[in-house]
Amino acid sequence: MQSDLPFSQACENNKAPILALLQQAFANCRNVLEVGSGTGQHAVHFAAGMPHLNWQASDQTLYLPDLTERLRRAAFPNLPLPLLLDIRDAAQTVNGYDAVFSANTLHIMPWPVVQQLFARLNDFCTAEATLCIYGPFNYNGRFTSDSNRAFDASLKSRDPAMGIRDIAAVVALAGASGFSLQQDHSMPANNRLLQFIRSDS
């Protein structure tokens, strides 16, 4: 139906299992910021599946035109047009979100940018917030599957700064911004969904 727009088969494959967990994680949330929305397939699916919340997609300039068009065609009342957001540009400010979601971004971002992302959560989020991160992760420096090992090698062949991140390092970054790991969900295709909570209570 939207074959003229960029399409990710991986997004199509994982959107249903991710939504099933986000419906629980974001049950009490109202405003979600998605960092790195890409093709927008997740944004459209999740906004449709969670009509109680406002799903704010975002991405860098390069991806914004096609992302904007997909969301415009969806025309959901809880899915506004996407924001321009480059984590490296501190001048681009967004705030007031009680939830943040990002999928398959940490292994693409160079590690200093991953650090910037977590450091900027204080700018994005309200005092009490939920953070959900989806993607592949290592444990104690070890790959969880041969396919993840091959994927990591492929990433590093494109850019040595890319690569699957160790979960302990990610949890430490989240903790520095006041987020504690609540759930580490096993997902299809050797991925995980990490759910963090920040609360003043």
Protein backbone atom coordinates (compact mmCIF):
# COMPACT_ATOMS: atom_id res chain seq x y z
CA MET A 1 0.00 0.00 0.00
CA GLN A 2 2.94 2.31 0.73
CA SER A 3 5.53 0.62 -1.47
CA ASP A 4 6.85 4.00 -2.59
CA LEU A 5 8.14 4.62 0.97
CA PRO A 6 11.20 2.99 2.58
CA PHE A 7 10.32 -0.32 4.20
CA SER A 8 12.08 -2.36 6.88
CA GLN A 9 11.25 -6.06 7.01
CA ALA A 10 12.79 -6.24 10.49
CA CYS A 11 10.36 -3.60 11.74
CA GLU A 12 7.49 -5.50 10.19
CA ASN A 13 8.63 -8.70 11.90
CA ASN A 14 9.19 -7.29 15.38
CA LYS A 15 6.47 -4.66 15.72
CA ALA A 16 3.83 -7.01 17.19
CA PRO A 17 5.98 -8.53 19.98
CA ILE A 18 7.35 -5.10 20.87
CA LEU A 19 3.86 -3.60 21.03
CA ALA A 20 2.69 -6.37 23.37
CA LEU A 21 5.34 -5.32 25.91
CA LEU A 22 4.98 -1.58 25.39
CA GLN A 23 1.25 -1.80 26.08
CA GLN A 24 2.23 -2.88 29.60
CA ALA A 25 5.29 -0.65 30.03
CA PHE A 26 3.54 2.50 28.79
CA ALA A 27 0.11 1.77 30.27
CA ASN A 28 0.28 4.81 32.57
CA CYS A 29 2.21 7.07 30.18
CA ARG A 30 0.73 9.84 28.07
CA ASN A 31 3.53 11.33 25.94
CA VAL A 32 6.16 9.14 24.32
CA LEU A 33 9.22 10.36 22.43
CA GLU A 34 10.60 7.86 19.93
CA VAL A 35 14.28 8.49 19.17
CA GLY A 36 15.35 7.37 15.70
CA SER A 37 11.98 6.51 14.16
CA GLY A 38 13.46 5.52 10.79
CA THR A 39 10.82 4.36 8.35
CA GLY A 40 8.00 5.17 10.78
CA GLN A 41 6.54 1.65 10.70
CA HIS A 42 6.91 1.30 14.46
CA ALA A 43 5.41 4.72 15.11
CA VAL A 44 2.30 3.96 13.05
CA HIS A 45 1.81 0.50 14.57
CA PHE A 46 2.36 1.62 18.15
CA ALA A 47 0.17 4.72 17.87
CA ALA A 48 -2.63 2.54 16.53
CA GLY A 49 -2.15 -0.02 19.29
CA MET A 50 -1.94 2.52 22.14
CA PRO A 51 -4.52 5.22 21.40
CA HIS A 52 -4.37 6.49 25.01
CA LEU A 53 -0.97 8.12 24.41
CA ASN A 54 0.62 10.67 22.13
CA TRP A 55 3.42 9.05 20.08
CA GLN A 56 6.01 11.61 19.00
CA ALA A 57 8.35 10.28 16.34
CA SER A 58 11.71 11.92 15.64
CA ASP A 59 14.82 11.49 13.52
CA GLN A 60 17.68 13.22 11.76
CA THR A 61 17.21 15.44 8.71
CA LEU A 62 18.06 12.67 6.23
CA TYR A 63 15.13 10.46 7.26
CA LEU A 64 12.57 13.16 7.99
CA PRO A 65 10.86 13.54 4.56
CA ASP A 66 9.84 9.86 4.16
CA LEU A 67 9.05 9.54 7.86
CA THR A 68 6.83 12.61 7.68
CA GLU A 69 4.99 11.24 4.66
CA ARG A 70 4.27 7.87 6.30
CA LEU A 71 2.87 9.55 9.40
CA ARG A 72 0.87 12.03 7.31
CA ARG A 73 -0.78 9.16 5.45
CA ALA A 74 -1.57 7.35 8.70
CA ALA A 75 -3.37 10.48 9.95
CA PHE A 76 -3.84 9.25 13.52
CA PRO A 77 -4.90 11.88 16.06
CA ASN A 78 -2.25 10.65 18.55
CA LEU A 79 0.57 10.59 15.97
CA PRO A 80 1.80 14.14 15.22
CA LEU A 81 4.27 14.80 12.45
CA PRO A 82 7.85 13.93 13.43
CA LEU A 83 10.37 16.20 15.08
CA LEU A 84 13.85 16.92 13.82
CA LEU A 85 16.15 15.48 16.47
CA ASP A 86 19.87 14.84 16.19
CA ILE A 87 21.21 13.66 19.53
CA ARG A 88 24.54 15.34 18.79
CA ASP A 89 22.92 18.78 18.47
CA ALA A 90 22.20 20.07 21.96
CA ALA A 91 20.47 23.11 20.46
CA GLN A 92 17.57 20.87 19.38
CA THR A 93 15.51 20.70 22.55
CA VAL A 94 12.43 18.61 23.28
CA ASN A 95 10.94 18.07 26.72
CA GLY A 96 7.92 17.04 28.73
CA TYR A 97 7.82 13.33 27.84
CA ASP A 98 6.98 10.72 30.45
CA ALA A 99 8.28 7.92 28.20
CA VAL A 100 11.09 7.42 25.68
CA PHE A 101 11.43 4.56 23.20
CA SER A 102 14.22 3.70 20.80
CA ALA A 103 14.73 0.61 18.65
CA ASN A 104 17.88 -0.62 16.93
CA THR A 105 19.78 2.61 17.45
CA LEU A 106 22.47 1.97 20.07
CA HIS A 107 24.53 -0.31 17.83
CA ILE A 108 24.37 2.23 14.99
CA MET A 109 25.36 5.27 17.05
CA PRO A 110 29.04 5.69 17.89
CA TRP A 111 29.54 5.14 21.62
CA PRO A 112 30.02 8.87 22.43
CA VAL A 113 26.61 9.52 20.84
CA VAL A 114 25.06 6.72 22.91
CA GLN A 115 26.47 8.49 25.96
CA GLN A 116 24.95 11.76 24.76
CA LEU A 117 21.56 10.10 24.31
CA PHE A 118 21.43 8.93 27.90
CA ALA A 119 22.82 12.21 29.22
CA ARG A 120 20.05 14.10 27.41
CA LEU A 121 17.25 12.04 28.95
CA ASN A 122 17.12 14.66 31.70
CA ASP A 123 16.27 17.23 29.03
CA PHE A 124 13.63 15.05 27.37
CA CYS A 125 11.82 13.53 30.34
CA THR A 126 9.57 14.48 33.20
CA ALA A 127 10.66 13.63 36.75
CA GLU A 128 8.89 10.28 36.58
CA ALA A 129 9.41 8.47 33.29
CA THR A 130 9.72 5.12 31.56
CA LEU A 131 12.48 4.28 29.09
CA CYS A 132 12.33 1.29 26.73
CA ILE A 133 15.26 0.31 24.51
CA TYR A 134 15.00 -2.48 21.92
CA GLY A 135 17.83 -4.23 20.11
CA PRO A 136 20.64 -6.76 20.46
CA PHE A 137 22.94 -6.64 23.49
CA ASN A 138 25.99 -8.50 24.80
CA TYR A 139 26.34 -9.89 28.31
CA ASN A 140 29.74 -9.79 30.04
CA GLY A 141 31.28 -8.91 26.69
CA ARG A 142 29.90 -12.04 25.04
CA PHE A 143 27.55 -12.39 22.10
CA THR A 144 24.28 -14.18 22.77
CA SER A 145 24.23 -15.90 19.37
CA ASP A 146 26.33 -16.57 16.30
CA SER A 147 23.98 -14.35 14.30
CA ASN A 148 24.66 -11.42 16.63
CA ARG A 149 28.39 -12.03 16.33
CA ALA A 150 28.09 -11.90 12.54
CA PHE A 151 25.89 -8.81 12.74
CA ASP A 152 28.45 -7.05 14.93
CA ALA A 153 31.23 -7.88 12.45
CA SER A 154 29.09 -6.50 9.63
CA LEU A 155 28.47 -3.28 11.54
CA LYS A 156 32.14 -2.79 12.31
CA SER A 157 33.04 -3.37 8.66
CA ARG A 158 30.84 -0.36 7.83
CA ASP A 159 32.12 1.76 10.70
CA PRO A 160 34.43 0.65 13.54
CA ALA A 161 32.46 2.95 15.89
CA MET A 162 29.34 0.83 15.43
CA GLY A 163 28.70 -2.43 17.26
CA ILE A 164 26.48 -4.33 19.68
CA ARG A 165 26.71 -2.76 23.14
CA ASP A 166 27.23 -4.54 26.44
CA ILE A 167 24.14 -4.38 28.61
CA ALA A 168 26.14 -3.49 31.74
CA ALA A 169 27.50 -0.35 30.08
CA VAL A 170 24.00 0.66 28.94
CA VAL A 171 22.53 0.08 32.41
CA ALA A 172 25.31 2.22 33.89
CA LEU A 173 24.53 5.11 31.52
CA ALA A 174 20.84 4.88 32.35
CA GLY A 175 21.62 4.83 36.07
CA ALA A 176 23.65 8.02 35.76
CA SER A 177 20.48 9.73 34.52
CA GLY A 178 18.38 8.26 37.32
CA PHE A 179 16.85 5.33 35.43
CA SER A 180 16.92 1.84 36.96
CA LEU A 181 16.45 -1.36 34.98
CA GLN A 182 13.09 -2.96 35.77
CA GLN A 183 12.78 -5.66 33.10
CA ASP A 184 15.09 -7.33 30.60
CA HIS A 185 12.74 -9.04 28.16
CA SER A 186 13.88 -11.73 25.73
CA MET A 187 12.63 -10.98 22.23
CA PRO A 188 12.61 -12.84 18.89
CA ALA A 189 15.73 -12.93 16.69
CA ASN A 190 18.13 -12.67 19.66
CA ASN A 191 17.02 -9.19 20.65
CA ARG A 192 16.06 -7.73 24.03
CA LEU A 193 13.70 -5.06 25.28
CA LEU A 194 15.12 -3.19 28.27
CA GLN A 195 12.60 -1.36 30.45
CA PHE A 196 13.87 1.35 32.80
CA ILE A 197 11.98 3.49 35.31
CA ARG A 198 12.82 6.84 36.85
CA SER A 199 10.75 7.91 39.85
CA ASP A 200 10.98 10.55 42.54
CA SER A 201 9.20 8.29 45.00
